[in-house]
């Protein structure tokens, strides 16, 4: 019986966007494996919460642009899809917007045109406070209960997500 699923190849140029990788190795992978998608994360459970609390991206803008140059070239010239997780290190709506700005800047400079979609992870504070009031928020591990005043004092709030928004 034939499988209803098609095989496809993904290429991950490095563990975290902005940390750098060999462009020669990247292009070798693109040429040898003809990936359907380049998928790379941009966040971490280590530094991500810290960066979220500080309102800063994990790497500088120039580091993200350097890594995105060959990735976007592959996207445009080879019709490879690109997926970036946890944009900017924490996936906040602000950092998703900054990453989109980098993609748009490179695209304008290089003459690339393609469809781009973003997935926001920002959470409305009122919604979170309401869920706390309803007793529908519980700690994930041995930590204290979340309280509304902590929600109000947070720099930003993001939600975790799985593959469903990408699909």
N, C-alpha and C. Protein backbone atom coordinates (compact mmCIF):
# COMPACT_ATOMS: atom_id res chain seq x y z
N UNK A 1 0.84 -1.18 0.00
CA UNK A 1 0.00 0.00 0.00
C UNK A 1 0.89 1.24 0.00
N UNK A 2 0.53 2.18 -0.82
CA UNK A 2 1.30 3.40 -0.94
C UNK A 2 0.97 4.37 0.20
N UNK A 3 2.00 5.01 0.72
CA UNK A 3 1.82 5.96 1.82
C UNK A 3 1.14 7.23 1.32
N UNK A 4 0.22 7.79 2.11
CA UNK A 4 -0.43 9.05 1.71
C UNK A 4 0.51 10.25 1.90
N UNK A 5 1.64 10.02 2.54
CA UNK A 5 2.57 11.10 2.83
C UNK A 5 3.70 11.11 1.81
N UNK A 6 4.09 12.31 1.40
CA UNK A 6 5.23 12.44 0.50
C UNK A 6 6.47 12.68 1.34
N UNK A 7 7.57 12.08 0.90
CA UNK A 7 8.84 12.37 1.55
C UNK A 7 9.28 13.77 1.16
N UNK A 8 9.89 14.44 2.09
CA UNK A 8 10.49 15.73 1.77
C UNK A 8 11.70 15.92 2.67
N UNK A 9 12.60 16.76 2.22
CA UNK A 9 13.85 16.98 2.93
C UNK A 9 13.86 18.40 3.48
N UNK A 10 14.32 18.52 4.72
CA UNK A 10 14.53 19.85 5.29
C UNK A 10 16.01 20.04 5.55
N UNK A 11 16.43 21.27 5.56
CA UNK A 11 17.81 21.61 5.84
C UNK A 11 17.80 22.61 6.99
N UNK A 12 18.60 22.33 7.98
CA UNK A 12 18.77 23.24 9.11
C UNK A 12 20.21 23.71 9.10
N UNK A 13 20.44 24.98 8.77
CA UNK A 13 21.81 25.46 8.62
C UNK A 13 22.60 25.54 9.92
N UNK A 14 21.92 25.72 11.02
CA UNK A 14 22.57 25.75 12.34
C UNK A 14 21.52 25.59 13.42
N UNK A 15 21.97 25.52 14.65
CA UNK A 15 21.02 25.29 15.76
C UNK A 15 20.22 26.52 16.10
N UNK A 16 20.77 27.70 15.82
CA UNK A 16 20.07 28.92 16.20
C UNK A 16 20.42 30.06 15.25
N UNK A 17 19.40 30.60 14.60
CA UNK A 17 19.60 31.71 13.68
C UNK A 17 20.29 32.86 14.40
N UNK A 18 21.31 33.41 13.75
CA UNK A 18 22.06 34.52 14.33
C UNK A 18 23.39 34.10 14.91
N UNK A 19 23.60 32.79 15.10
CA UNK A 19 24.85 32.30 15.67
C UNK A 19 25.90 32.01 14.60
N UNK A 20 25.52 32.16 13.33
CA UNK A 20 26.47 31.97 12.24
C UNK A 20 26.57 30.54 11.75
N UNK A 21 26.92 30.40 10.48
CA UNK A 21 27.15 29.10 9.86
C UNK A 21 27.94 29.32 8.58
N UNK A 22 28.52 28.27 8.07
CA UNK A 22 29.30 28.34 6.84
C UNK A 22 28.35 28.39 5.65
N UNK A 23 28.41 29.48 4.89
CA UNK A 23 27.57 29.59 3.70
C UNK A 23 27.91 28.50 2.69
N UNK A 24 29.20 28.14 2.61
CA UNK A 24 29.59 27.06 1.68
C UNK A 24 28.92 25.75 2.06
N UNK A 25 28.89 25.45 3.34
CA UNK A 25 28.24 24.21 3.80
C UNK A 25 26.73 24.27 3.55
N UNK A 26 26.16 25.44 3.77
CA UNK A 26 24.73 25.61 3.52
C UNK A 26 24.41 25.32 2.05
N UNK A 27 25.16 25.95 1.13
CA UNK A 27 24.89 25.76 -0.29
C UNK A 27 25.17 24.33 -0.74
N UNK A 28 26.15 23.69 -0.11
CA UNK A 28 26.39 22.27 -0.39
C UNK A 28 25.13 21.47 -0.05
N UNK A 29 24.56 21.74 1.12
CA UNK A 29 23.33 21.04 1.52
C UNK A 29 22.17 21.32 0.59
N UNK A 30 22.03 22.57 0.16
CA UNK A 30 20.95 22.93 -0.77
C UNK A 30 21.14 22.19 -2.09
N UNK A 31 22.36 22.19 -2.62
CA UNK A 31 22.61 21.55 -3.92
C UNK A 31 22.49 20.03 -3.85
N UNK A 32 23.03 19.44 -2.80
CA UNK A 32 23.03 17.98 -2.70
C UNK A 32 21.65 17.41 -2.37
N UNK A 33 20.93 18.06 -1.45
CA UNK A 33 19.69 17.48 -0.94
C UNK A 33 18.41 18.11 -1.48
N UNK A 34 18.50 19.23 -2.20
CA UNK A 34 17.32 19.91 -2.73
C UNK A 34 16.19 19.96 -1.70
N UNK A 35 16.41 20.62 -0.58
CA UNK A 35 15.40 20.61 0.47
C UNK A 35 14.11 21.31 0.06
N UNK A 36 13.01 20.81 0.59
CA UNK A 36 11.72 21.46 0.40
C UNK A 36 11.62 22.69 1.29
N UNK A 37 12.36 22.65 2.42
CA UNK A 37 12.30 23.76 3.37
C UNK A 37 13.61 23.89 4.13
N UNK A 38 13.90 25.12 4.48
CA UNK A 38 14.97 25.43 5.43
C UNK A 38 14.24 25.81 6.71
N UNK A 39 14.54 25.09 7.78
CA UNK A 39 13.88 25.34 9.05
C UNK A 39 14.95 25.59 10.09
N UNK A 40 14.82 26.70 10.79
CA UNK A 40 15.82 27.06 11.79
C UNK A 40 15.12 27.74 12.97
N UNK A 41 15.59 27.45 14.14
CA UNK A 41 15.04 28.08 15.34
C UNK A 41 15.83 29.35 15.61
N UNK A 42 15.23 30.23 16.36
CA UNK A 42 15.89 31.48 16.70
C UNK A 42 15.81 31.71 18.21
N UNK A 43 15.36 30.70 18.94
CA UNK A 43 15.16 30.90 20.37
C UNK A 43 15.76 29.81 21.20
N UNK A 44 15.54 29.91 22.48
CA UNK A 44 16.13 28.98 23.42
C UNK A 44 15.32 28.98 24.70
N UNK A 45 15.23 27.83 25.33
CA UNK A 45 14.59 27.80 26.65
C UNK A 45 15.57 28.28 27.71
N UNK A 46 16.84 28.40 27.34
CA UNK A 46 17.84 28.92 28.28
C UNK A 46 17.73 30.43 28.38
N UNK A 47 18.10 31.12 27.29
CA UNK A 47 18.13 32.58 27.31
C UNK A 47 16.84 33.24 26.86
N UNK A 48 15.95 32.48 26.25
CA UNK A 48 14.71 33.07 25.73
C UNK A 48 13.89 33.82 26.77
N UNK A 49 13.61 33.21 27.93
CA UNK A 49 12.84 33.94 28.95
C UNK A 49 13.54 35.20 29.43
N UNK A 50 14.86 35.14 29.55
CA UNK A 50 15.62 36.32 29.98
C UNK A 50 15.48 37.43 28.94
N UNK A 51 15.65 37.07 27.66
CA UNK A 51 15.54 38.06 26.60
C UNK A 51 14.13 38.61 26.52
N UNK A 52 13.13 37.76 26.73
CA UNK A 52 11.74 38.20 26.73
C UNK A 52 11.54 39.24 27.83
N UNK A 53 12.07 38.95 29.01
CA UNK A 53 11.94 39.87 30.14
C UNK A 53 12.70 41.17 29.95
N UNK A 54 13.76 41.13 29.17
CA UNK A 54 14.55 42.33 28.91
C UNK A 54 14.07 43.08 27.66
N UNK A 55 13.23 42.42 26.86
CA UNK A 55 12.75 43.05 25.64
C UNK A 55 13.81 43.15 24.57
N UNK A 56 14.79 42.25 24.60
CA UNK A 56 15.91 42.29 23.65
C UNK A 56 15.97 41.00 22.84
N UNK A 57 16.48 41.13 21.62
CA UNK A 57 16.69 39.95 20.80
C UNK A 57 17.98 39.26 21.25
N UNK A 58 18.08 37.98 20.99
CA UNK A 58 19.24 37.20 21.41
C UNK A 58 20.51 37.65 20.70
N UNK A 59 20.40 37.92 19.41
CA UNK A 59 21.56 38.34 18.61
C UNK A 59 21.30 39.72 18.04
N UNK A 60 22.34 40.36 17.56
CA UNK A 60 22.20 41.65 16.91
C UNK A 60 21.59 41.52 15.53
N UNK A 61 21.02 42.60 15.07
CA UNK A 61 20.37 42.65 13.76
C UNK A 61 21.32 42.18 12.65
N UNK A 62 22.57 42.60 12.71
CA UNK A 62 23.54 42.23 11.67
C UNK A 62 23.78 40.72 11.63
N UNK A 63 23.75 40.06 12.79
CA UNK A 63 23.93 38.61 12.83
C UNK A 63 22.77 37.89 12.17
N UNK A 64 21.56 38.36 12.44
CA UNK A 64 20.39 37.75 11.79
C UNK A 64 20.44 37.99 10.28
N UNK A 65 20.78 39.21 9.87
CA UNK A 65 20.84 39.52 8.43
C UNK A 65 21.89 38.66 7.74
N UNK A 66 23.05 38.50 8.37
CA UNK A 66 24.12 37.66 7.78
C UNK A 66 23.62 36.24 7.55
N UNK A 67 22.95 35.68 8.55
CA UNK A 67 22.45 34.30 8.41
C UNK A 67 21.30 34.20 7.42
N UNK A 68 20.49 35.24 7.33
CA UNK A 68 19.33 35.19 6.44
C UNK A 68 19.67 35.39 4.97
N UNK A 69 20.79 36.05 4.67
CA UNK A 69 21.16 36.30 3.27
C UNK A 69 21.15 35.03 2.43
N UNK A 70 21.92 33.99 2.77
CA UNK A 70 21.90 32.78 1.93
C UNK A 70 20.57 32.02 2.03
N UNK A 71 19.94 32.06 3.17
CA UNK A 71 18.65 31.36 3.34
C UNK A 71 17.60 31.96 2.41
N UNK A 72 17.52 33.29 2.38
CA UNK A 72 16.54 33.93 1.50
C UNK A 72 16.90 33.77 0.03
N UNK A 73 18.20 33.71 -0.28
CA UNK A 73 18.62 33.45 -1.66
C UNK A 73 18.13 32.07 -2.09
N UNK A 74 18.26 31.08 -1.22
CA UNK A 74 17.76 29.73 -1.54
C UNK A 74 16.24 29.75 -1.69
N UNK A 75 15.59 30.50 -0.84
CA UNK A 75 14.13 30.61 -0.90
C UNK A 75 13.70 31.17 -2.26
N UNK A 76 14.36 32.25 -2.67
CA UNK A 76 13.98 32.92 -3.91
C UNK A 76 14.40 32.14 -5.15
N UNK A 77 15.67 31.76 -5.22
CA UNK A 77 16.20 31.15 -6.44
C UNK A 77 15.85 29.67 -6.58
N UNK A 78 15.68 28.98 -5.48
CA UNK A 78 15.40 27.54 -5.53
C UNK A 78 13.98 27.19 -5.09
N UNK A 79 13.19 28.21 -4.76
CA UNK A 79 11.80 28.02 -4.32
C UNK A 79 11.72 27.11 -3.09
N UNK A 80 12.65 27.34 -2.18
CA UNK A 80 12.68 26.60 -0.92
C UNK A 80 11.88 27.37 0.11
N UNK A 81 11.02 26.69 0.82
CA UNK A 81 10.27 27.35 1.89
C UNK A 81 11.21 27.58 3.08
N UNK A 82 10.93 28.62 3.85
CA UNK A 82 11.74 28.96 5.02
C UNK A 82 10.81 29.11 6.22
N UNK A 83 11.15 28.43 7.30
CA UNK A 83 10.41 28.57 8.55
C UNK A 83 11.40 28.92 9.65
N UNK A 84 11.08 29.97 10.40
CA UNK A 84 11.93 30.42 11.50
C UNK A 84 11.10 30.38 12.77
N UNK A 85 11.57 29.64 13.76
CA UNK A 85 10.87 29.56 15.03
C UNK A 85 11.43 30.54 16.05
N UNK A 86 10.59 30.99 16.95
CA UNK A 86 10.99 31.87 18.06
C UNK A 86 11.80 33.08 17.58
N UNK A 87 11.25 33.78 16.62
CA UNK A 87 11.96 34.90 16.00
C UNK A 87 12.54 35.86 17.03
N UNK A 88 13.80 36.19 16.82
CA UNK A 88 14.48 37.14 17.69
C UNK A 88 14.93 36.57 19.01
N UNK A 89 14.65 35.30 19.24
CA UNK A 89 15.07 34.65 20.48
C UNK A 89 13.93 34.31 21.41
N UNK A 90 12.85 35.09 21.34
CA UNK A 90 11.74 34.82 22.25
C UNK A 90 10.39 34.71 21.55
N UNK A 91 10.33 35.05 20.27
CA UNK A 91 9.09 34.92 19.52
C UNK A 91 8.04 35.96 19.84
N UNK A 92 8.43 37.01 20.57
CA UNK A 92 7.45 38.06 20.89
C UNK A 92 6.99 38.73 19.60
N UNK A 93 5.81 39.31 19.62
CA UNK A 93 5.30 39.97 18.43
C UNK A 93 6.26 41.06 17.95
N UNK A 94 6.87 41.78 18.89
CA UNK A 94 7.82 42.82 18.53
C UNK A 94 9.01 42.25 17.77
N UNK A 95 9.53 41.12 18.25
CA UNK A 95 10.70 40.53 17.60
C UNK A 95 10.34 39.82 16.30
N UNK A 96 9.13 39.30 16.21
CA UNK A 96 8.65 38.76 14.93
C UNK A 96 8.63 39.90 13.92
N UNK A 97 8.15 41.07 14.34
CA UNK A 97 8.13 42.24 13.47
C UNK A 97 9.52 42.69 13.06
N UNK A 98 10.47 42.65 14.00
CA UNK A 98 11.85 43.02 13.67
C UNK A 98 12.47 42.04 12.68
N UNK A 99 12.19 40.74 12.87
CA UNK A 99 12.71 39.73 11.94
C UNK A 99 12.08 39.93 10.56
N UNK A 100 10.80 40.22 10.53
CA UNK A 100 10.13 40.50 9.26
C UNK A 100 10.78 41.70 8.58
N UNK A 101 11.12 42.72 9.35
CA UNK A 101 11.80 43.89 8.80
C UNK A 101 13.13 43.54 8.16
N UNK A 102 13.88 42.63 8.77
CA UNK A 102 15.16 42.19 8.20
C UNK A 102 14.92 41.46 6.89
N UNK A 103 13.92 40.58 6.87
CA UNK A 103 13.58 39.84 5.65
C UNK A 103 13.17 40.81 4.55
N UNK A 104 12.36 41.80 4.88
CA UNK A 104 11.92 42.78 3.88
C UNK A 104 13.09 43.62 3.37
N UNK A 105 13.98 44.00 4.26
CA UNK A 105 15.14 44.80 3.87
C UNK A 105 16.04 44.04 2.89
N UNK A 106 16.35 42.79 3.22
CA UNK A 106 17.17 41.96 2.33
C UNK A 106 16.45 41.76 1.00
N UNK A 107 15.16 41.50 1.05
CA UNK A 107 14.38 41.25 -0.16
C UNK A 107 14.37 42.47 -1.08
N UNK A 108 14.19 43.65 -0.51
CA UNK A 108 14.22 44.88 -1.32
C UNK A 108 15.59 45.05 -1.98
N UNK A 109 16.64 44.89 -1.18
CA UNK A 109 18.00 45.10 -1.69
C UNK A 109 18.35 44.10 -2.79
N UNK A 110 17.90 42.86 -2.65
CA UNK A 110 18.24 41.79 -3.61
C UNK A 110 17.21 41.62 -4.73
N UNK A 111 16.08 42.31 -4.62
CA UNK A 111 15.04 42.16 -5.64
C UNK A 111 14.22 40.90 -5.50
N UNK A 112 14.18 40.32 -4.31
CA UNK A 112 13.39 39.10 -4.07
C UNK A 112 11.93 39.48 -3.86
N UNK A 113 11.06 38.62 -4.37
CA UNK A 113 9.62 38.76 -4.12
C UNK A 113 9.07 37.38 -3.81
N UNK A 114 8.45 37.26 -2.65
CA UNK A 114 7.79 36.02 -2.28
C UNK A 114 6.79 36.31 -1.17
N UNK A 115 5.89 35.37 -0.97
CA UNK A 115 4.89 35.52 0.09
C UNK A 115 5.53 35.25 1.44
N UNK A 116 5.16 36.06 2.41
CA UNK A 116 5.68 35.90 3.76
C UNK A 116 4.49 35.91 4.72
N UNK A 117 4.52 35.03 5.68
CA UNK A 117 3.50 35.01 6.72
C UNK A 117 4.20 35.01 8.08
N UNK A 118 3.58 35.64 9.04
CA UNK A 118 4.11 35.62 10.40
C UNK A 118 3.05 35.03 11.33
N UNK A 119 3.54 34.45 12.40
CA UNK A 119 2.65 33.88 13.41
C UNK A 119 2.97 34.56 14.73
N UNK A 120 2.03 35.32 15.22
CA UNK A 120 2.22 36.02 16.48
C UNK A 120 2.00 35.09 17.67
N UNK A 121 2.76 35.32 18.72
CA UNK A 121 2.61 34.50 19.94
C UNK A 121 2.23 35.35 21.14
N UNK A 122 2.03 36.64 20.91
CA UNK A 122 1.71 37.55 22.01
C UNK A 122 0.37 37.21 22.66
N UNK A 123 0.34 37.34 23.96
CA UNK A 123 -0.88 37.05 24.72
C UNK A 123 -1.43 38.34 25.32
N UNK A 124 -2.73 38.50 25.24
CA UNK A 124 -3.42 39.64 25.83
C UNK A 124 -3.42 39.51 27.36
N UNK A 125 -2.98 40.55 28.05
CA UNK A 125 -2.90 40.51 29.51
C UNK A 125 -4.27 40.29 30.15
N UNK A 126 -5.30 40.91 29.59
CA UNK A 126 -6.65 40.73 30.13
C UNK A 126 -7.11 39.28 30.04
N UNK A 127 -6.78 38.64 28.93
CA UNK A 127 -7.13 37.23 28.77
C UNK A 127 -6.43 36.39 29.84
N UNK A 128 -5.14 36.63 30.05
CA UNK A 128 -4.38 35.87 31.06
C UNK A 128 -4.94 36.13 32.45
N UNK A 129 -5.22 37.39 32.77
CA UNK A 129 -5.80 37.70 34.10
C UNK A 129 -7.14 37.00 34.28
N UNK A 130 -7.95 36.98 33.22
CA UNK A 130 -9.24 36.30 33.28
C UNK A 130 -9.10 34.81 33.55
N UNK A 131 -8.14 34.19 32.91
CA UNK A 131 -7.90 32.75 33.12
C UNK A 131 -7.42 32.48 34.55
N UNK A 132 -6.62 33.41 35.10
CA UNK A 132 -6.19 33.27 36.49
C UNK A 132 -7.41 33.34 37.40
N UNK A 133 -8.28 34.32 37.17
CA UNK A 133 -9.49 34.50 37.99
C UNK A 133 -10.41 33.28 37.91
N UNK A 134 -10.44 32.62 36.77
CA UNK A 134 -11.27 31.42 36.58
C UNK A 134 -10.62 30.17 37.15
N UNK A 135 -9.40 30.30 37.65
CA UNK A 135 -8.68 29.14 38.19
C UNK A 135 -8.17 28.21 37.11
N UNK A 136 -7.95 28.72 35.91
CA UNK A 136 -7.54 27.88 34.79
C UNK A 136 -6.06 28.05 34.44
N UNK A 137 -5.27 28.57 35.38
CA UNK A 137 -3.83 28.70 35.20
C UNK A 137 -3.16 27.98 36.35
N UNK A 138 -2.22 27.12 36.02
CA UNK A 138 -1.50 26.40 37.07
C UNK A 138 -0.02 26.39 36.73
N UNK A 139 0.83 26.28 37.74
CA UNK A 139 2.27 26.29 37.48
C UNK A 139 2.73 25.06 36.72
N UNK A 140 3.78 25.25 35.99
CA UNK A 140 4.40 24.16 35.25
C UNK A 140 5.69 23.81 35.99
N UNK A 141 5.56 23.05 37.02
CA UNK A 141 6.72 22.71 37.84
C UNK A 141 6.59 23.30 39.24
N UNK A 142 7.63 23.14 40.03
CA UNK A 142 7.58 23.58 41.43
C UNK A 142 7.85 25.08 41.60
N UNK A 143 6.89 25.88 41.16
CA UNK A 143 6.97 27.33 41.31
C UNK A 143 5.65 27.85 41.87
N UNK A 144 5.67 29.10 42.30
CA UNK A 144 4.45 29.66 42.89
C UNK A 144 3.38 29.91 41.82
N UNK A 145 2.16 30.05 42.28
CA UNK A 145 1.03 30.34 41.39
C UNK A 145 1.24 31.69 40.72
N UNK A 146 0.77 31.82 39.49
CA UNK A 146 0.83 33.10 38.79
C UNK A 146 -0.25 34.01 39.32
N UNK A 147 0.11 35.25 39.59
CA UNK A 147 -0.85 36.24 40.10
C UNK A 147 -1.00 37.38 39.11
N UNK A 148 -2.18 38.02 39.14
CA UNK A 148 -2.51 39.07 38.18
C UNK A 148 -1.51 40.22 38.21
N UNK A 149 -1.00 40.60 39.37
CA UNK A 149 -0.06 41.73 39.41
C UNK A 149 1.25 41.39 38.69
N UNK A 150 1.62 40.12 38.68
CA UNK A 150 2.82 39.70 37.95
C UNK A 150 2.56 39.83 36.44
N UNK A 151 1.36 39.48 36.01
CA UNK A 151 0.98 39.62 34.61
C UNK A 151 1.07 41.08 34.20
N UNK A 152 0.55 41.97 35.04
CA UNK A 152 0.58 43.40 34.73
C UNK A 152 2.00 43.96 34.69
N UNK A 153 2.91 43.39 35.46
CA UNK A 153 4.28 43.88 35.50
C UNK A 153 5.21 43.26 34.48
N UNK A 154 4.74 42.27 33.74
CA UNK A 154 5.60 41.59 32.77
C UNK A 154 5.92 42.51 31.59
N UNK A 155 7.14 42.43 31.09
CA UNK A 155 7.54 43.21 29.92
C UNK A 155 6.73 42.76 28.71
N UNK A 156 6.59 41.46 28.54
CA UNK A 156 5.86 40.90 27.41
C UNK A 156 5.41 39.51 27.80
N UNK A 157 4.38 39.01 27.17
CA UNK A 157 3.88 37.67 27.43
C UNK A 157 3.69 36.97 26.10
N UNK A 158 4.25 35.77 25.99
CA UNK A 158 4.09 34.97 24.78
C UNK A 158 3.57 33.59 25.15
N UNK A 159 2.96 32.94 24.18
CA UNK A 159 2.45 31.60 24.37
C UNK A 159 3.37 30.59 23.70
N UNK A 160 3.40 29.41 24.28
CA UNK A 160 4.09 28.30 23.61
C UNK A 160 3.16 27.76 22.55
N UNK A 161 3.73 27.20 21.50
CA UNK A 161 2.89 26.60 20.47
C UNK A 161 3.61 25.41 19.84
N UNK A 162 2.84 24.58 19.26
CA UNK A 162 3.40 23.42 18.57
C UNK A 162 3.43 23.68 17.07
N UNK A 163 3.32 22.64 16.31
CA UNK A 163 3.41 22.74 14.85
C UNK A 163 2.12 23.22 14.21
N UNK A 164 1.02 23.17 14.95
CA UNK A 164 -0.30 23.48 14.36
C UNK A 164 -0.37 24.84 13.66
N UNK A 165 0.16 25.92 14.24
CA UNK A 165 0.07 27.20 13.52
C UNK A 165 0.84 27.19 12.18
N UNK A 166 1.91 26.43 12.10
CA UNK A 166 2.65 26.33 10.85
C UNK A 166 1.86 25.56 9.82
N UNK A 167 1.18 24.51 10.26
CA UNK A 167 0.41 23.68 9.34
C UNK A 167 -0.74 24.48 8.80
